[in-house]
């Protein structure tokens, strides 16, 4: 009888011990599982931070784009040059505006003619500052046997008619883009001139009596 009581006590003690170990093991397993979950969630937090940083970069990129777009326009560059030269836009012909990168800065090259003078300006694209300027008397025209400039001669088509003929060949160009002179060469009156429009140069020669196009050529300004 005593032996049975002793065996029962030992079995009860073993059950208590194993039960406690089982609870401790379960608790340890739960802790380890929780730790693994926290570790697994860490990359997600880092990814979220990266995404937020990416959003800042994108925002910064938009700001940079907005800054880059703050440069002056071609029309503003022309106005700056005309004002500095003391010339009204209506007086100007043969206007050429070209944007280029030179000496570490973006600039507009503005060239035009007015009152038999040629003007050349370099203007900073970002600030509108005049970087350089030059003007000289234009001698390419009026060197034939006789020159009437813009004056008309009896028996020839008018300047307006000559302009219409050449402008029909260059869609979008206007009278302001044309430089033209009436000259007598080899015994014949001719309209000679050129058109600067949309980064292209057109040279022409018309029979001033018939309006026939005698010569026509074109090329890019940078060619």
Protein backbone atom coordinates (compact mmCIF):
# COMPACT_ATOMS: atom_id res chain seq x y z
CA UNK A 1 0.00 0.00 0.00
CA UNK A 2 2.77 2.39 0.93
CA UNK A 3 4.56 1.48 -2.25
CA UNK A 4 1.48 2.47 -4.31
CA UNK A 5 1.19 5.79 -2.50
CA UNK A 6 4.87 6.48 -3.16
CA UNK A 7 4.54 5.65 -6.87
CA UNK A 8 1.45 7.86 -7.20
CA UNK A 9 3.31 10.75 -5.57
CA UNK A 10 6.21 10.36 -7.95
CA UNK A 11 3.90 10.32 -10.96
CA UNK A 12 2.11 13.47 -9.75
CA UNK A 13 5.41 15.26 -9.23
CA UNK A 14 6.60 14.26 -12.72
CA UNK A 15 3.35 15.50 -14.23
CA UNK A 16 3.75 18.87 -12.52
CA UNK A 17 7.37 19.17 -13.67
CA UNK A 18 6.61 18.25 -17.29
CA UNK A 19 3.58 20.52 -17.31
CA UNK A 20 5.70 23.47 -16.20
CA UNK A 21 8.31 22.71 -18.82
CA UNK A 22 5.63 22.52 -21.49
CA UNK A 23 4.28 25.94 -20.51
CA UNK A 24 7.80 27.41 -20.50
CA UNK A 25 8.52 25.86 -23.91
CA UNK A 26 5.24 27.22 -25.28
CA UNK A 27 6.04 30.67 -23.91
CA UNK A 28 9.54 30.53 -25.44
CA UNK A 29 8.09 29.41 -28.77
CA UNK A 30 5.60 32.28 -28.70
CA UNK A 31 8.36 34.79 -27.92
CA UNK A 32 10.56 33.47 -30.73
CA UNK A 33 7.62 33.60 -33.09
CA UNK A 34 6.91 37.20 -32.05
CA UNK A 35 10.57 38.12 -32.55
CA UNK A 36 10.56 36.64 -36.04
CA UNK A 37 7.43 38.61 -36.86
CA UNK A 38 9.04 41.84 -35.69
CA UNK A 39 12.16 41.08 -37.72
CA UNK A 40 10.05 40.31 -40.76
CA UNK A 41 8.24 43.64 -40.36
CA UNK A 42 11.50 45.64 -40.21
CA UNK A 43 12.14 45.59 -44.01
CA UNK A 44 8.60 46.85 -44.53
CA UNK A 45 9.33 49.90 -42.40
CA UNK A 46 12.56 50.52 -44.33
CA UNK A 47 10.68 50.24 -47.61
CA UNK A 48 8.16 52.76 -46.41
CA UNK A 49 10.99 55.17 -45.56
CA UNK A 50 12.51 54.62 -49.00
CA UNK A 51 9.15 55.35 -50.60
CA UNK A 52 8.85 58.55 -48.60
CA UNK A 53 12.36 59.56 -49.65
CA UNK A 54 11.42 58.79 -53.25
CA UNK A 55 8.41 61.04 -52.89
CA UNK A 56 10.71 63.83 -51.70
CA UNK A 57 13.01 63.29 -54.68
CA UNK A 58 10.06 63.45 -57.04
CA UNK A 59 8.85 66.62 -55.38
CA UNK A 60 12.34 68.07 -55.62
CA UNK A 61 12.45 67.10 -59.29
CA UNK A 62 9.26 69.04 -59.93
CA UNK A 63 10.76 72.04 -58.21
CA UNK A 64 13.88 71.77 -60.37
CA UNK A 65 11.73 71.62 -63.50
CA UNK A 66 9.84 74.69 -62.41
CA UNK A 67 13.13 76.53 -61.86
CA UNK A 68 14.45 75.51 -65.28
CA UNK A 69 11.30 76.80 -66.97
CA UNK A 70 11.80 80.29 -65.50
CA UNK A 71 14.18 81.37 -68.29
CA UNK A 72 13.13 84.23 -70.57
CA UNK A 73 11.42 83.51 -73.90
CA UNK A 74 12.66 84.31 -77.40
CA UNK A 75 10.14 87.15 -77.63
CA UNK A 76 11.45 88.65 -74.39
CA UNK A 77 15.02 88.35 -75.66
CA UNK A 78 14.06 90.21 -78.85
CA UNK A 79 12.34 92.95 -76.86
CA UNK A 80 15.44 93.41 -74.70
CA UNK A 81 17.62 93.79 -77.81
CA UNK A 82 15.22 96.17 -79.58
CA UNK A 83 14.88 98.36 -76.50
CA UNK A 84 18.64 98.53 -76.00
CA UNK A 85 19.15 99.46 -79.67
CA UNK A 86 16.47 102.15 -79.39
CA UNK A 87 14.50 100.61 -82.26
CA UNK A 88 10.79 99.93 -82.62
CA UNK A 89 9.82 96.42 -83.65
CA UNK A 90 8.12 97.80 -86.77
CA UNK A 91 11.51 99.05 -88.03
CA UNK A 92 13.14 95.62 -87.77
CA UNK A 93 13.62 93.06 -90.55
CA UNK A 94 15.46 89.75 -90.90
CA UNK A 95 15.20 88.81 -87.21
CA UNK A 96 17.09 85.68 -86.16
CA UNK A 97 16.95 84.21 -82.66
CA UNK A 98 19.05 81.19 -81.76
CA UNK A 99 19.52 79.54 -78.35
CA UNK A 100 22.83 77.88 -77.55
CA UNK A 101 25.09 76.78 -74.67
CA UNK A 102 28.39 78.65 -74.52
CA UNK A 103 31.03 79.17 -71.81
CA UNK A 104 28.92 77.36 -69.22
CA UNK A 105 25.71 79.32 -69.74
CA UNK A 106 22.60 79.28 -71.90
CA UNK A 107 22.20 82.33 -74.11
CA UNK A 108 20.13 83.72 -76.97
CA UNK A 109 21.83 85.07 -80.06
CA UNK A 110 19.60 87.81 -81.48
CA UNK A 111 20.48 89.24 -84.91
CA UNK A 112 18.40 91.71 -86.91
CA UNK A 113 18.51 94.57 -89.42
CA UNK A 114 17.18 98.11 -89.14
CA UNK A 115 17.94 101.25 -91.14
CA UNK A 116 20.75 99.60 -93.13
CA UNK A 117 22.47 98.41 -89.96
CA UNK A 118 23.01 94.89 -88.68
CA UNK A 119 22.68 94.28 -84.93
CA UNK A 120 24.05 91.29 -83.01
CA UNK A 121 23.16 90.58 -79.37
CA UNK A 122 24.02 87.80 -76.90
CA UNK A 123 21.49 87.65 -74.05
CA UNK A 124 21.54 85.40 -70.97
CA UNK A 125 18.58 82.99 -71.06
CA UNK A 126 18.11 82.96 -67.31
CA UNK A 127 18.48 86.62 -66.36
CA UNK A 128 17.96 88.59 -69.57
CA UNK A 129 21.36 90.23 -69.10
CA UNK A 130 23.01 91.52 -72.30
CA UNK A 131 26.30 89.64 -72.48
CA UNK A 132 27.57 91.31 -75.65
CA UNK A 133 26.31 93.49 -78.48
CA UNK A 134 27.54 94.83 -81.79
CA UNK A 135 26.21 96.78 -84.76
CA UNK A 136 27.60 97.77 -88.15
CA UNK A 137 26.45 99.21 -91.45
CA UNK A 138 25.14 96.43 -93.71
CA UNK A 139 26.99 96.62 -97.05
CA UNK A 140 25.78 93.42 -98.71
CA UNK A 141 22.96 95.30 -100.40
CA UNK A 142 22.98 98.22 -102.79
CA UNK A 143 26.21 97.28 -104.57
CA UNK A 144 24.82 96.72 -108.09
CA UNK A 145 24.74 99.15 -111.01
CA UNK A 146 22.00 101.06 -109.24
CA UNK A 147 20.02 100.61 -106.09
CA UNK A 148 16.63 101.95 -105.15
CA UNK A 149 16.52 100.31 -101.75
CA UNK A 150 12.83 100.17 -100.88
CA UNK A 151 11.78 102.78 -103.46
CA UNK A 152 9.75 101.63 -106.45
CA UNK A 153 10.68 102.05 -110.10
CA UNK A 154 8.28 102.55 -112.99
CA UNK A 155 7.62 99.32 -114.87
CA UNK A 156 8.39 97.05 -111.88
CA UNK A 157 6.11 95.22 -109.45
CA UNK A 158 5.60 96.89 -106.09
CA UNK A 159 7.43 95.90 -102.92
CA UNK A 160 4.17 94.55 -101.49
CA UNK A 161 3.71 92.32 -104.55
CA UNK A 162 7.29 91.07 -104.28
CA UNK A 163 6.81 90.31 -100.58
CA UNK A 164 3.66 88.35 -101.29
CA UNK A 165 5.50 86.21 -103.87
CA UNK A 166 8.34 85.20 -101.52
CA UNK A 167 6.23 84.83 -98.37
CA UNK A 168 3.94 82.37 -100.13
CA UNK A 169 6.96 80.05 -100.25
CA UNK A 170 7.62 80.18 -96.50
CA UNK A 171 4.54 79.33 -94.49
CA UNK A 172 4.30 81.30 -91.25
CA UNK A 173 6.89 83.95 -92.15
CA UNK A 174 5.90 87.62 -92.09
CA UNK A 175 7.21 90.85 -93.61
CA UNK A 176 9.32 91.38 -90.50
CA UNK A 177 11.31 88.24 -91.36
CA UNK A 178 12.24 89.57 -94.82
CA UNK A 179 15.14 91.78 -95.89
CA UNK A 180 14.82 92.90 -99.50
CA UNK A 181 16.27 95.52 -101.87
CA UNK A 182 15.40 96.63 -105.41
CA UNK A 183 18.56 96.71 -107.52
CA UNK A 184 19.55 97.01 -111.17
CA UNK A 185 22.02 94.34 -112.23
CA UNK A 186 23.13 93.44 -115.78
CA UNK A 187 20.62 95.96 -117.10
CA UNK A 188 17.62 94.40 -115.29
CA UNK A 189 15.78 95.45 -112.15
CA UNK A 190 15.60 92.71 -109.55
CA UNK A 191 14.43 92.23 -106.01
CA UNK A 192 17.16 90.52 -104.02
CA UNK A 193 16.94 89.51 -100.40
CA UNK A 194 16.62 86.85 -97.76
CA UNK A 195 14.18 85.52 -95.18
CA UNK A 196 15.12 84.35 -91.69
CA UNK A 197 12.39 82.22 -90.16
CA UNK A 198 12.17 79.22 -87.84
CA UNK A 199 15.95 78.74 -87.71
CA UNK A 200 16.24 78.67 -91.52
CA UNK A 201 17.62 81.15 -94.03
CA UNK A 202 16.07 81.61 -97.48
CA UNK A 203 17.81 83.63 -100.21
CA UNK A 204 15.97 84.78 -103.31
CA UNK A 205 16.12 86.88 -106.44
CA UNK A 206 13.05 88.05 -108.36
CA UNK A 207 12.62 89.62 -111.78
CA UNK A 208 11.26 93.00 -110.71
CA UNK A 209 9.33 93.45 -113.97
CA UNK A 210 7.56 90.08 -114.11
CA UNK A 211 7.74 88.78 -110.55
CA UNK A 212 9.42 85.58 -111.74
CA UNK A 213 11.56 83.84 -109.13
CA UNK A 214 15.03 83.73 -110.68
CA UNK A 215 16.90 82.18 -107.75
CA UNK A 216 15.85 80.48 -104.50
CA UNK A 217 17.87 78.63 -101.88
CA UNK A 218 17.47 77.65 -98.26
CA UNK A 219 19.56 76.24 -95.43
CA UNK A 220 19.55 75.90 -91.66
CA UNK A 221 21.10 78.81 -89.81
CA UNK A 222 23.49 76.39 -88.06
CA UNK A 223 24.45 74.51 -91.25
